[in-house]
C-alpha atoms as a PDB file:
ATOM      1  CA  UNK A   1       0.020   0.007  -0.063  1.00  0.00           C
ATOM      2  CA  UNK A   2       1.247   3.658  -0.700  1.00  0.00           C
ATOM      3  CA  UNK A   3       0.725   5.502   2.498  1.00  0.00           C
ATOM      4  CA  UNK A   4       3.011   8.291   3.018  1.00  0.00           C
ATOM      5  CA  UNK A   5       2.850  11.924   4.822  1.00  0.00           C
ATOM      6  CA  UNK A   6       4.801  14.966   5.064  1.00  0.00           C
ATOM      7  CA  UNK A   7       4.787  18.325   3.136  1.00  0.00           C
ATOM      8  CA  UNK A   8       7.768  19.155   1.136  1.00  0.00           C
ATOM      9  CA  UNK A   9       6.563  22.738  -0.317  1.00  0.00           C
ATOM     10  CA  UNK A  10       8.506  25.888   0.282  1.00  0.00           C
ATOM     11  CA  UNK A  11       6.774  29.290  -0.308  1.00  0.00           C
ATOM     12  CA  UNK A  12       3.423  30.223  -1.226  1.00  0.00           C
ATOM     13  CA  UNK A  13       0.956  28.723  -4.173  1.00  0.00           C
ATOM     14  CA  UNK A  14      -2.573  28.817  -4.393  1.00  0.00           C
ATOM     15  CA  UNK A  15      -5.065  26.307  -6.537  1.00  0.00           C
ATOM     16  CA  UNK A  16      -5.352  29.653  -8.936  1.00  0.00           C
ATOM     17  CA  UNK A  17      -1.743  30.024  -9.382  1.00  0.00           C
ATOM     18  CA  UNK A  18      -0.015  26.425  -8.776  1.00  0.00           C
ATOM     19  CA  UNK A  19       3.755  26.112  -8.983  1.00  0.00           C
ATOM     20  CA  UNK A  20       5.323  25.464 -12.548  1.00  0.00           C
ATOM     21  CA  UNK A  21       5.765  21.881 -11.369  1.00  0.00           C
ATOM     22  CA  UNK A  22       2.313  21.114 -10.600  1.00  0.00           C
ATOM     23  CA  UNK A  23       0.993  23.143 -13.681  1.00  0.00           C
ATOM     24  CA  UNK A  24       3.383  21.045 -15.810  1.00  0.00           C
ATOM     25  CA  UNK A  25       2.299  17.800 -14.268  1.00  0.00           C
ATOM     26  CA  UNK A  26      -1.279  18.671 -14.800  1.00  0.00           C
ATOM     27  CA  UNK A  27      -0.825  19.328 -18.383  1.00  0.00           C
ATOM     28  CA  UNK A  28       0.913  16.022 -18.641  1.00  0.00           C
ATOM     29  CA  UNK A  29      -2.109  14.440 -17.315  1.00  0.00           C
ATOM     30  CA  UNK A  30      -4.275  16.563 -19.811  1.00  0.00           C
ATOM     31  CA  UNK A  31      -1.899  15.286 -22.737  1.00  0.00           C
ATOM     32  CA  UNK A  32      -2.563  11.626 -21.445  1.00  0.00           C
ATOM     33  CA  UNK A  33      -6.517  12.500 -21.767  1.00  0.00           C
ATOM     34  CA  UNK A  34      -7.148  12.807 -17.999  1.00  0.00           C
ATOM     35  CA  UNK A  35     -10.243  14.488 -17.343  1.00  0.00           C
ATOM     36  CA  UNK A  36      -9.689  17.474 -15.122  1.00  0.00           C
ATOM     37  CA  UNK A  37     -12.604  18.713 -12.620  1.00  0.00           C
ATOM     38  CA  UNK A  38     -12.531  22.028 -10.734  1.00  0.00           C
ATOM     39  CA  UNK A  39     -15.043  23.219  -8.180  1.00  0.00           C
ATOM     40  CA  UNK A  40     -15.297  26.858  -7.375  1.00  0.00           C
ATOM     41  CA  UNK A  41     -18.012  28.770  -5.168  1.00  0.00           C
ATOM     42  CA  UNK A  42     -19.128  30.716  -8.307  1.00  0.00           C
ATOM     43  CA  UNK A  43     -18.440  31.519 -12.000  1.00  0.00           C
ATOM     44  CA  UNK A  44     -15.070  33.251 -12.500  1.00  0.00           C
ATOM     45  CA  UNK A  45     -13.910  32.351  -8.854  1.00  0.00           C
ATOM     46  CA  UNK A  46     -10.722  30.663  -7.627  1.00  0.00           C
ATOM     47  CA  UNK A  47     -11.132  26.872  -7.434  1.00  0.00           C
ATOM     48  CA  UNK A  48     -11.466  25.332  -4.006  1.00  0.00           C
ATOM     49  CA  UNK A  49     -10.584  21.937  -5.308  1.00  0.00           C
ATOM     50  CA  UNK A  50      -8.986  20.527  -8.315  1.00  0.00           C
ATOM     51  CA  UNK A  51      -9.234  16.880  -9.455  1.00  0.00           C
ATOM     52  CA  UNK A  52      -7.924  14.661 -12.403  1.00  0.00           C
ATOM     53  CA  UNK A  53      -9.816  11.422 -12.959  1.00  0.00           C
ATOM     54  CA  UNK A  54      -8.713   8.527 -15.330  1.00  0.00           C
ATOM     55  CA  UNK A  55     -11.878   6.035 -15.933  1.00  0.00           C
ATOM     56  CA  UNK A  56     -10.741   2.602 -16.539  1.00  0.00           C
ATOM     57  CA  UNK A  57     -13.252   0.302 -18.744  1.00  0.00           C
ATOM     58  CA  UNK A  58     -14.696  -1.591 -15.932  1.00  0.00           C
ATOM     59  CA  UNK A  59     -15.738   1.507 -13.966  1.00  0.00           C
ATOM     60  CA  UNK A  60     -12.415   1.386 -11.856  1.00  0.00           C
ATOM     61  CA  UNK A  61     -10.921   5.002 -11.484  1.00  0.00           C
ATOM     62  CA  UNK A  62      -7.715   6.495 -10.703  1.00  0.00           C
ATOM     63  CA  UNK A  63      -8.359   9.867  -8.903  1.00  0.00           C
ATOM     64  CA  UNK A  64      -6.246  12.917  -7.788  1.00  0.00           C
ATOM     65  CA  UNK A  65      -7.626  15.296  -5.338  1.00  0.00           C
ATOM     66  CA  UNK A  66      -5.925  18.782  -4.798  1.00  0.00           C
ATOM     67  CA  UNK A  67      -7.551  20.560  -1.918  1.00  0.00           C
ATOM     68  CA  UNK A  68      -4.722  23.196  -1.420  1.00  0.00           C
ATOM     69  CA  UNK A  69      -1.283  24.002  -2.212  1.00  0.00           C
ATOM     70  CA  UNK A  70      -0.006  21.631   0.734  1.00  0.00           C
ATOM     71  CA  UNK A  71      -2.355  18.828   0.512  1.00  0.00           C
ATOM     72  CA  UNK A  72      -3.537  16.338  -2.314  1.00  0.00           C
ATOM     73  CA  UNK A  73      -4.748  12.897  -2.280  1.00  0.00           C
ATOM     74  CA  UNK A  74      -4.919  10.084  -4.907  1.00  0.00           C
ATOM     75  CA  UNK A  75      -6.552   6.625  -4.842  1.00  0.00           C
ATOM     76  CA  UNK A  76      -7.459   4.032  -7.262  1.00  0.00           C
ATOM     77  CA  UNK A  77     -11.191   3.338  -6.705  1.00  0.00           C
ATOM     78  CA  UNK A  78     -12.514  -0.289  -7.622  1.00  0.00           C
ATOM     79  CA  UNK A  79     -15.541  -0.120  -9.938  1.00  0.00           C
ATOM     80  CA  UNK A  80     -18.171   2.191  -8.377  1.00  0.00           C
ATOM     81  CA  UNK A  81     -20.875   4.459  -9.203  1.00  0.00           C
ATOM     82  CA  UNK A  82     -19.163   7.646  -7.725  1.00  0.00           C
ATOM     83  CA  UNK A  83     -15.509   7.624  -8.264  1.00  0.00           C
ATOM     84  CA  UNK A  84     -15.327  10.595  -5.600  1.00  0.00           C
ATOM     85  CA  UNK A  85     -16.712   8.539  -2.764  1.00  0.00           C
ATOM     86  CA  UNK A  86     -15.890   4.958  -3.663  1.00  0.00           C
ATOM     87  CA  UNK A  87     -16.452   2.213  -1.364  1.00  0.00           C
ATOM     88  CA  UNK A  88     -13.287   0.566  -1.719  1.00  0.00           C
ATOM     89  CA  UNK A  89      -9.726   1.660  -2.946  1.00  0.00           C
ATOM     90  CA  UNK A  90      -6.472  -0.685  -3.833  1.00  0.00           C
ATOM     91  CA  UNK A  91      -3.847   2.362  -3.998  1.00  0.00           C
ATOM     92  CA  UNK A  92      -3.684   5.510  -2.248  1.00  0.00           C
ATOM     93  CA  UNK A  93      -1.482   8.280  -0.700  1.00  0.00           C
ATOM     94  CA  UNK A  94      -1.854  11.835   0.881  1.00  0.00           C
ATOM     95  CA  UNK A  95       0.851  14.378   0.355  1.00  0.00           C
ATOM     96  CA  UNK A  96       1.781  17.559  -1.502  1.00  0.00           C
ATOM     97  CA  UNK A  97       0.394  17.951  -4.966  1.00  0.00           C
ATOM     98  CA  UNK A  98       3.487  17.635  -6.577  1.00  0.00           C
ATOM     99  CA  UNK A  99       4.566  14.540  -5.056  1.00  0.00           C
ATOM    100  CA  UNK A 100       0.869  12.895  -5.605  1.00  0.00           C
ATOM    101  CA  UNK A 101       1.082  13.948  -9.363  1.00  0.00           C
ATOM    102  CA  UNK A 102       4.450  12.629 -10.009  1.00  0.00           C
ATOM    103  CA  UNK A 103       3.339   9.497  -8.063  1.00  0.00           C
ATOM    104  CA  UNK A 104       0.351   8.810 -10.032  1.00  0.00           C
ATOM    105  CA  UNK A 105       1.573   9.533 -13.177  1.00  0.00           C
ATOM    106  CA  UNK A 106       4.082   6.426 -12.578  1.00  0.00           C
ATOM    107  CA  UNK A 107       1.323   3.906 -11.390  1.00  0.00           C
ATOM    108  CA  UNK A 108       1.176   0.701 -13.030  1.00  0.00           C
ATOM    109  CA  UNK A 109      -1.929   0.392 -15.480  1.00  0.00           C
ATOM    110  CA  UNK A 110      -4.729  -1.158 -13.881  1.00  0.00           C
ATOM    111  CA  UNK A 111      -5.130  -4.724 -14.865  1.00  0.00           C
ATOM    112  CA  UNK A 112      -5.124  -8.235 -13.668  1.00  0.00           C
ATOM    113  CA  UNK A 113      -2.252  -7.408 -10.973  1.00  0.00           C
ATOM    114  CA  UNK A 114      -4.200  -4.280  -9.874  1.00  0.00           C
ATOM    115  CA  UNK A 115      -7.260  -6.468  -9.420  1.00  0.00           C
ATOM    116  CA  UNK A 116      -5.534  -8.964  -7.143  1.00  0.00           C
ATOM    117  CA  UNK A 117      -4.432  -6.094  -4.628  1.00  0.00           C
ATOM    118  CA  UNK A 118      -6.368  -6.141  -1.688  1.00  0.00           C
ATOM    119  CA  UNK A 119      -9.375  -3.474  -1.662  1.00  0.00           C
ATOM    120  CA  UNK A 120     -10.001  -1.544   1.442  1.00  0.00           C
ATOM    121  CA  UNK A 121     -12.074   1.033   2.725  1.00  0.00           C
ATOM    122  CA  UNK A 122     -11.013   4.544   1.855  1.00  0.00           C
ATOM    123  CA  UNK A 123      -9.128   6.562   4.866  1.00  0.00           C
ATOM    124  CA  UNK A 124     -11.068   9.498   6.144  1.00  0.00           C
ATOM    125  CA  UNK A 125      -9.848  12.719   4.142  1.00  0.00           C
ATOM    126  CA  UNK A 126      -8.965  10.800   1.305  1.00  0.00           C
ATOM    127  CA  UNK A 127     -11.971  10.799  -1.024  1.00  0.00           C
ATOM    128  CA  UNK A 128     -14.299  13.936  -1.977  1.00  0.00           C
ATOM    129  CA  UNK A 129     -17.790  13.236  -0.360  1.00  0.00           C
ATOM    130  CA  UNK A 130     -20.802  14.784  -1.933  1.00  0.00           C
ATOM    131  CA  UNK A 131     -21.332  17.167   0.983  1.00  0.00           C
ATOM    132  CA  UNK A 132     -17.920  18.829  -0.013  1.00  0.00           C
ATOM    133  CA  UNK A 133     -18.980  19.033  -3.808  1.00  0.00           C
ATOM    134  CA  UNK A 134     -22.547  19.916  -3.798  1.00  0.00           C
ATOM    135  CA  UNK A 135     -22.688  23.498  -2.863  1.00  0.00           C
ATOM    136  CA  UNK A 136     -19.988  24.245  -5.719  1.00  0.00           C
ATOM    137  CA  UNK A 137     -19.940  25.002  -9.505  1.00  0.00           C
ATOM    138  CA  UNK A 138     -18.198  22.266 -11.169  1.00  0.00           C
ATOM    139  CA  UNK A 139     -16.213  22.623 -14.502  1.00  0.00           C
ATOM    140  CA  UNK A 140     -15.250  19.467 -16.178  1.00  0.00           C
ATOM    141  CA  UNK A 141     -12.454  19.735 -18.727  1.00  0.00           C
ATOM    142  CA  UNK A 142     -12.804  16.757 -20.952  1.00  0.00           C
ATOM    143  CA  UNK A 143      -9.883  15.738 -23.434  1.00  0.00           C
ATOM    144  CA  UNK A 144     -10.278  17.482 -26.849  1.00  0.00           C
ATOM    145  CA  UNK A 145     -13.006  19.552 -25.894  1.00  0.00           C
ATOM    146  CA  UNK A 146     -12.465  23.214 -26.540  1.00  0.00           C
ATOM    147  CA  UNK A 147     -14.497  24.494 -23.458  1.00  0.00           C
ATOM    148  CA  UNK A 148     -15.494  23.113 -19.806  1.00  0.00           C
ATOM    149  CA  UNK A 149     -18.811  21.603 -19.082  1.00  0.00           C
ATOM    150  CA  UNK A 150     -20.234  23.714 -16.130  1.00  0.00           C
ATOM    151  CA  UNK A 151     -22.506  21.997 -13.640  1.00  0.00           C
ATOM    152  CA  UNK A 152     -24.287  24.395 -11.293  1.00  0.00           C
ATOM    153  CA  UNK A 153     -24.463  23.667  -7.543  1.00  0.00           C
ATOM    154  CA  UNK A 154     -26.812  20.896  -6.550  1.00  0.00           C
ATOM    155  CA  UNK A 155     -29.485  22.279  -4.519  1.00  0.00           C
ATOM    156  CA  UNK A 156     -29.849  21.326  -0.774  1.00  0.00           C
ATOM    157  CA  UNK A 157     -33.081  20.769   0.694  1.00  0.00           C
END
């Protein structure tokens, strides 16, 4: 299992102005056809959460969630309905965004070996529950689309 800690960032960075290394790693993900998701409190606002997702054919997903310039998480969700809040994961880590992005870009492809890994319930703080997403506007940058898809906040009754 990949469980680490520690933050190695020096200086100030925001999700609106990531470090050059984080920016380059996110571009590498886009170039590899990952879908990028951004959640903001409103149109034109700085994202509060940035994420990247790679969906596998059987519904499994590799997910990166960047919550701040100091903390990101990544996991491989077993086939599920909601990749942001899966019931089980097989790979996971929480650390600084640059470390997480580098690590995930180096993960072995999901396949027979990945299916044989022990699946466990996600640790607290690893995933992105609906309660954290529903009040925010979501921007979905699909590979090869010129403009993001905008999903307004989900009304809470």
